[in-house]
PDB file of N, CA and C in Angstrom:
ATOM      1  N   MET A   1     100.094 118.193  85.825  1.00  0.00           N
ATOM      2  CA  MET A   1     101.106 117.142  86.086  1.00  0.00           C
ATOM      3  C   MET A   1     101.839 116.042  84.760  1.00  0.00           C
ATOM      4  N   LYS A   2     103.363 115.684  84.235  1.00  0.00           N
ATOM      5  CA  LYS A   2     103.188 114.889  83.561  1.00  0.00           C
ATOM      6  C   LYS A   2     103.544 113.628  84.120  1.00  0.00           C
ATOM      7  N   ASN A   3     103.584 112.496  83.345  1.00  0.00           N
ATOM      8  CA  ASN A   3     103.277 111.372  83.948  1.00  0.00           C
ATOM      9  C   ASN A   3     104.760 110.920  83.705  1.00  0.00           C
ATOM     10  N   THR A   4     105.103 110.089  84.723  1.00  0.00           N
ATOM     11  CA  THR A   4     106.460 109.552  84.838  1.00  0.00           C
ATOM     12  C   THR A   4     106.280 108.050  85.334  1.00  0.00           C
ATOM     13  N   LYS A   5     106.998 107.328  86.137  1.00  0.00           N
ATOM     14  CA  LYS A   5     106.938 106.183  86.211  1.00  0.00           C
ATOM     15  C   LYS A   5     106.632 105.963  87.979  1.00  0.00           C
ATOM     16  N   HIS A   6     106.080 107.067  88.385  1.00  0.00           N
ATOM     17  CA  HIS A   6     105.864 107.583  89.616  1.00  0.00           C
ATOM     18  C   HIS A   6     104.382 107.819  89.855  1.00  0.00           C
ATOM     19  N   ASP A   7     103.589 108.129  88.543  1.00  0.00           N
ATOM     20  CA  ASP A   7     102.361 108.770  88.369  1.00  0.00           C
ATOM     21  C   ASP A   7     101.515 107.731  89.375  1.00  0.00           C
ATOM     22  N   ALA A   8      99.999 108.343  89.310  1.00  0.00           N
ATOM     23  CA  ALA A   8      99.210 107.827  90.108  1.00  0.00           C
ATOM     24  C   ALA A   8      98.670 106.240  89.516  1.00  0.00           C
ATOM     25  N   ALA A   9      98.503 106.063  88.024  1.00  0.00           N
ATOM     26  CA  ALA A   9      98.330 104.856  88.158  1.00  0.00           C
ATOM     27  C   ALA A   9      99.261 103.978  88.187  1.00  0.00           C
ATOM     28  N   ASN A  10     100.469 104.189  88.191  1.00  0.00           N
ATOM     29  CA  ASN A  10     102.127 103.165  88.577  1.00  0.00           C
ATOM     30  C   ASN A  10     101.405 102.622  90.070  1.00  0.00           C
ATOM     31  N   VAL A  11     101.520 104.082  90.821  1.00  0.00           N
ATOM     32  CA  VAL A  11     100.785 103.650  92.335  1.00  0.00           C
ATOM     33  C   VAL A  11      99.749 102.754  92.681  1.00  0.00           C
ATOM     34  N   LEU A  12      98.706 102.881  91.973  1.00  0.00           N
ATOM     35  CA  LEU A  12      97.436 102.458  92.074  1.00  0.00           C
ATOM     36  C   LEU A  12      97.667 100.677  91.721  1.00  0.00           C
ATOM     37  N   SER A  13      98.145 101.042  90.535  1.00  0.00           N
ATOM     38  CA  SER A  13      98.300  99.031  90.086  1.00  0.00           C
ATOM     39  C   SER A  13      99.207  98.611  91.158  1.00  0.00           C
ATOM     40  N   MET A  14     100.354  98.800  91.981  1.00  0.00           N
ATOM     41  CA  MET A  14     101.146  98.545  92.899  1.00  0.00           C
ATOM     42  C   MET A  14     100.440  98.077  93.927  1.00  0.00           C
ATOM     43  N   VAL A  15      99.293  99.082  94.534  1.00  0.00           N
ATOM     44  CA  VAL A  15      98.824  98.605  95.911  1.00  0.00           C
ATOM     45  C   VAL A  15      97.270  97.838  95.203  1.00  0.00           C
ATOM     46  N   GLN A  16      96.828  97.889  94.306  1.00  0.00           N
ATOM     47  CA  GLN A  16      95.406  97.292  93.952  1.00  0.00           C
ATOM     48  C   GLN A  16      95.734  95.667  94.560  1.00  0.00           C
ATOM     49  N   PRO A  17      96.854  94.789  94.577  1.00  0.00           N
ATOM     50  CA  PRO A  17      96.464  93.356  94.945  1.00  0.00           C
ATOM     51  C   PRO A  17      96.650  93.487  96.809  1.00  0.00           C
ATOM     52  N   ARG A  18      97.340  94.522  97.371  1.00  0.00           N
ATOM     53  CA  ARG A  18      97.019  94.433  98.642  1.00  0.00           C
ATOM     54  C   ARG A  18      95.843  94.829  99.210  1.00  0.00           C
ATOM     55  N   PHE A  19      95.175  95.488  98.327  1.00  0.00           N
ATOM     56  CA  PHE A  19      93.535  95.845  98.633  1.00  0.00           C
ATOM     57  C   PHE A  19      92.700  95.004  98.269  1.00  0.00           C
ATOM     58  N   GLY A  20      92.828  94.226  97.110  1.00  0.00           N
ATOM     59  CA  GLY A  20      91.521  93.196  96.413  1.00  0.00           C
ATOM     60  C   GLY A  20      90.874  94.216  95.736  1.00  0.00           C
ATOM     61  N   SER A  21      90.664  94.782  95.460  1.00  0.00           N
ATOM     62  CA  SER A  21      90.027  95.750  93.997  1.00  0.00           C
ATOM     63  C   SER A  21      90.877  97.024  94.064  1.00  0.00           C
ATOM     64  N   ALA A  22      90.154  97.349  92.646  1.00  0.00           N
ATOM     65  CA  ALA A  22      90.776  98.559  92.181  1.00  0.00           C
ATOM     66  C   ALA A  22      89.997 100.015  93.422  1.00  0.00           C
ATOM     67  N   GLU A  23      88.845  99.407  93.388  1.00  0.00           N
ATOM     68  CA  GLU A  23      88.309 100.913  94.494  1.00  0.00           C
ATOM     69  C   GLU A  23      88.857 101.010  95.819  1.00  0.00           C
ATOM     70  N   ARG A  24      89.081  99.833  96.547  1.00  0.00           N
ATOM     71  CA  ARG A  24      89.694  99.929  97.602  1.00  0.00           C
ATOM     72  C   ARG A  24      91.099 100.566  97.629  1.00  0.00           C
ATOM     73  N   ALA A  25      91.640 100.416  96.651  1.00  0.00           N
ATOM     74  CA  ALA A  25      93.133 101.023  96.145  1.00  0.00           C
ATOM     75  C   ALA A  25      93.098 102.417  96.219  1.00  0.00           C
ATOM     76  N   ARG A  26      91.803 102.783  95.630  1.00  0.00           N
ATOM     77  CA  ARG A  26      92.062 104.292  95.009  1.00  0.00           C
ATOM     78  C   ARG A  26      91.488 104.835  95.787  1.00  0.00           C
ATOM     79  N   ILE A  27      90.748 104.331  97.020  1.00  0.00           N
ATOM     80  CA  ILE A  27      89.952 104.871  98.651  1.00  0.00           C
ATOM     81  C   ILE A  27      91.407 105.211  99.213  1.00  0.00           C
ATOM     82  N   TRP A  28      92.216 103.990  99.247  1.00  0.00           N
ATOM     83  CA  TRP A  28      93.572 104.143  99.958  1.00  0.00           C
ATOM     84  C   TRP A  28      94.168 105.393  99.157  1.00  0.00           C
ATOM     85  N   TYR A  29      94.554 105.239  98.109  1.00  0.00           N
ATOM     86  CA  TYR A  29      95.477 106.514  97.290  1.00  0.00           C
ATOM     87  C   TYR A  29      95.022 107.844  97.487  1.00  0.00           C
ATOM     88  N   GLU A  30      93.444 107.915  97.572  1.00  0.00           N
ATOM     89  CA  GLU A  30      92.918 109.420  97.610  1.00  0.00           C
ATOM     90  C   GLU A  30      93.054 109.743  99.240  1.00  0.00           C
ATOM     91  N   GLU A  31      92.565 108.614 100.255  1.00  0.00           N
ATOM     92  CA  GLU A  31      92.013 109.128 101.870  1.00  0.00           C
ATOM     93  C   GLU A  31      92.970 108.706 102.748  1.00  0.00           C
ATOM     94  N   GLU A  32      94.060 107.682 102.988  1.00  0.00           N
ATOM     95  CA  GLU A  32      94.504 107.598 103.650  1.00  0.00           C
ATOM     96  C   GLU A  32      95.681 108.301 103.904  1.00  0.00           C
ATOM     97  N   LEU A  33      95.690 108.978 105.202  1.00  0.00           N
ATOM     98  CA  LEU A  33      96.408 109.696 105.694  1.00  0.00           C
ATOM     99  C   LEU A  33      97.912 109.173 105.906  1.00  0.00           C
ATOM    100  N   ILE A  34      98.965 109.064 105.346  1.00  0.00           N
ATOM    101  CA  ILE A  34     100.136 108.390 105.543  1.00  0.00           C
ATOM    102  C   ILE A  34     101.144 109.292 106.855  1.00  0.00           C
ATOM    103  N   PRO A  35     101.353 108.790 107.906  1.00  0.00           N
ATOM    104  CA  PRO A  35     102.094 109.425 109.177  1.00  0.00           C
ATOM    105  C   PRO A  35     103.515 109.973 108.592  1.00  0.00           C
ATOM    106  N   GLY A  36     104.245 109.164 108.127  1.00  0.00           N
ATOM    107  CA  GLY A  36     105.607 109.097 107.715  1.00  0.00           C
ATOM    108  C   GLY A  36     105.560 110.383 106.580  1.00  0.00           C
ATOM    109  N   PHE A  37     104.538 110.781 105.892  1.00  0.00           N
ATOM    110  CA  PHE A  37     104.215 111.520 105.434  1.00  0.00           C
ATOM    111  C   PHE A  37     103.654 113.268 105.752  1.00  0.00           C
ATOM    112  N   ASP A  38     104.078 113.217 106.830  1.00  0.00           N
ATOM    113  CA  ASP A  38     103.175 114.358 107.678  1.00  0.00           C
ATOM    114  C   ASP A  38     101.608 114.416 107.579  1.00  0.00           C
ATOM    115  N   LYS A  39     100.931 113.288 107.460  1.00  0.00           N
ATOM    116  CA  LYS A  39      99.760 112.879 107.384  1.00  0.00           C
ATOM    117  C   LYS A  39      99.364 113.268 105.793  1.00  0.00           C
ATOM    118  N   ARG A  40     100.217 113.465 104.922  1.00  0.00           N
ATOM    119  CA  ARG A  40      99.246 113.351 103.504  1.00  0.00           C
ATOM    120  C   ARG A  40      99.028 112.060 103.048  1.00  0.00           C
ATOM    121  N   THR A  41      98.232 112.209 102.063  1.00  0.00           N
ATOM    122  CA  THR A  41      97.570 110.722 101.363  1.00  0.00           C
ATOM    123  C   THR A  41      99.217 110.466  99.919  1.00  0.00           C
ATOM    124  N   ALA A  42      99.018 109.374  99.508  1.00  0.00           N
ATOM    125  CA  ALA A  42      99.535 108.830  98.482  1.00  0.00           C
ATOM    126  C   ALA A  42      99.328 110.099  97.229  1.00  0.00           C
ATOM    127  N   ARG A  43      98.049 110.209  97.129  1.00  0.00           N
ATOM    128  CA  ARG A  43      97.816 111.299  95.975  1.00  0.00           C
ATOM    129  C   ARG A  43      97.886 112.553  96.375  1.00  0.00           C
ATOM    130  N   GLN A  44      98.199 113.526  97.090  1.00  0.00           N
ATOM    131  CA  GLN A  44      98.607 114.570  97.741  1.00  0.00           C
ATOM    132  C   GLN A  44     100.333 114.331  97.537  1.00  0.00           C
ATOM    133  N   MET A  45     101.451 113.056  97.434  1.00  0.00           N
ATOM    134  CA  MET A  45     102.687 113.345  97.602  1.00  0.00           C
ATOM    135  C   MET A  45     102.756 113.009  96.510  1.00  0.00           C
ATOM    136  N   ILE A  46     101.886 112.345  95.220  1.00  0.00           N
ATOM    137  CA  ILE A  46     102.151 111.960  93.590  1.00  0.00           C
ATOM    138  C   ILE A  46     101.864 113.812  93.079  1.00  0.00           C
ATOM    139  N   HIS A  47     100.977 114.422  93.494  1.00  0.00           N
ATOM    140  CA  HIS A  47     100.625 116.191  93.039  1.00  0.00           C
ATOM    141  C   HIS A  47     102.318 116.713  93.578  1.00  0.00           C
ATOM    142  N   GLU A  48     102.524 116.532  94.636  1.00  0.00           N
ATOM    143  CA  GLU A  48     103.739 117.464  94.748  1.00  0.00           C
ATOM    144  C   GLU A  48     105.157 116.667  94.436  1.00  0.00           C
ATOM    145  N   GLY A  49     104.996 115.887  93.551  1.00  0.00           N
ATOM    146  CA  GLY A  49     106.268 115.255  92.801  1.00  0.00           C
ATOM    147  C   GLY A  49     107.129 114.061  93.468  1.00  0.00           C
ATOM    148  N   ARG A  50     106.178 113.783  94.431  1.00  0.00           N
ATOM    149  CA  ARG A  50     107.333 113.172  95.983  1.00  0.00           C
ATOM    150  C   ARG A  50     106.622 111.462  95.033  1.00  0.00           C
ATOM    151  N   GLY A  51     106.368 110.933  94.500  1.00  0.00           N
ATOM    152  CA  GLY A  51     106.251 109.463  93.855  1.00  0.00           C
ATOM    153  C   GLY A  51     107.002 108.629  94.053  1.00  0.00           C
ATOM    154  N   ALA A  52     107.868 109.027  93.989  1.00  0.00           N
ATOM    155  CA  ALA A  52     109.082 108.086  94.473  1.00  0.00           C
ATOM    156  C   ALA A  52     109.600 107.597  95.975  1.00  0.00           C
ATOM    157  N   GLU A  53     109.124 108.347  96.835  1.00  0.00           N
ATOM    158  CA  GLU A  53     108.517 108.474  98.146  1.00  0.00           C
ATOM    159  C   GLU A  53     107.752 107.416  98.624  1.00  0.00           C
ATOM    160  N   VAL A  54     106.589 107.401  97.670  1.00  0.00           N
ATOM    161  CA  VAL A  54     105.247 106.549  98.126  1.00  0.00           C
ATOM    162  C   VAL A  54     105.678 105.393  97.927  1.00  0.00           C
ATOM    163  N   LEU A  55     106.273 105.396  96.437  1.00  0.00           N
ATOM    164  CA  LEU A  55     106.906 103.457  96.195  1.00  0.00           C
ATOM    165  C   LEU A  55     107.910 103.345  97.188  1.00  0.00           C
ATOM    166  N   ASP A  56     108.894 103.981  97.680  1.00  0.00           N
ATOM    167  CA  ASP A  56     110.102 103.462  98.503  1.00  0.00           C
ATOM    168  C   ASP A  56     108.991 103.180  99.992  1.00  0.00           C
ATOM    169  N   TYR A  57     107.931 103.778 100.275  1.00  0.00           N
ATOM    170  CA  TYR A  57     107.458 103.324 101.663  1.00  0.00           C
ATOM    171  C   TYR A  57     106.753 101.950 101.481  1.00  0.00           C
ATOM    172  N   LEU A  58     106.128 101.708 100.318  1.00  0.00           N
ATOM    173  CA  LEU A  58     105.407 100.857  99.692  1.00  0.00           C
ATOM    174  C   LEU A  58     106.347  99.615  99.715  1.00  0.00           C
ATOM    175  N   ALA A  59     107.802 100.094  99.205  1.00  0.00           N
ATOM    176  CA  ALA A  59     108.774  98.723  99.132  1.00  0.00           C
ATOM    177  C   ALA A  59     109.303  98.377 101.056  1.00  0.00           C
ATOM    178  N   ALA A  60     108.633  99.166 101.806  1.00  0.00           N
ATOM    179  CA  ALA A  60     109.339  99.309 102.701  1.00  0.00           C
ATOM    180  C   ALA A  60     108.836  98.254 103.765  1.00  0.00           C
ATOM    181  N   ILE A  61     107.078  98.624 103.286  1.00  0.00           N
ATOM    182  CA  ILE A  61     106.332  97.851 104.099  1.00  0.00           C
ATOM    183  C   ILE A  61     106.269  96.393 103.625  1.00  0.00           C
ATOM    184  N   ASP A  62     106.549  96.326 102.176  1.00  0.00           N
ATOM    185  CA  ASP A  62     106.555  94.798 101.563  1.00  0.00           C
ATOM    186  C   ASP A  62     108.041  93.817 102.470  1.00  0.00           C
ATOM    187  N   SER A  63     109.059  94.833 102.536  1.00  0.00           N
ATOM    188  CA  SER A  63     109.852  94.144 103.083  1.00  0.00           C
ATOM    189  C   SER A  63     110.050  94.194 104.926  1.00  0.00           C
ATOM    190  N   GLY A  64     108.824  94.332 105.479  1.00  0.00           N
ATOM    191  CA  GLY A  64     108.461  94.246 106.773  1.00  0.00           C
ATOM    192  C   GLY A  64     108.892  95.143 107.579  1.00  0.00           C
ATOM    193  N   ILE A  65     109.597  96.399 107.288  1.00  0.00           N
ATOM    194  CA  ILE A  65     109.902  97.587 108.183  1.00  0.00           C
ATOM    195  C   ILE A  65     109.052  98.380 108.749  1.00  0.00           C
ATOM    196  N   TYR A  66     107.581  98.221 108.030  1.00  0.00           N
ATOM    197  CA  TYR A  66     106.620  99.044 109.165  1.00  0.00           C
ATOM    198  C   TYR A  66     105.561  97.954 109.233  1.00  0.00           C
ATOM    199  N   ALA A  67     105.763  96.718 109.755  1.00  0.00           N
ATOM    200  CA  ALA A  67     104.910  95.741 109.720  1.00  0.00           C
ATOM    201  C   ALA A  67     104.262  95.402 111.525  1.00  0.00           C
TER     202      ALA A  67
END
């Protein structure tokens, strides 16, 4: 997979402050099943080329939509 602005490193750097550590961010990225993505993880979404949707999801959380 080629690097884009929606690659794993960018998503991880975006979520790391939410979790307080790189390790917790990585665990979320690899293991958390996201209901709105048919129970896929952020990692699976990136692998499928759907990183922009992950970033949109995170932005929605930041704005309080999923709070």
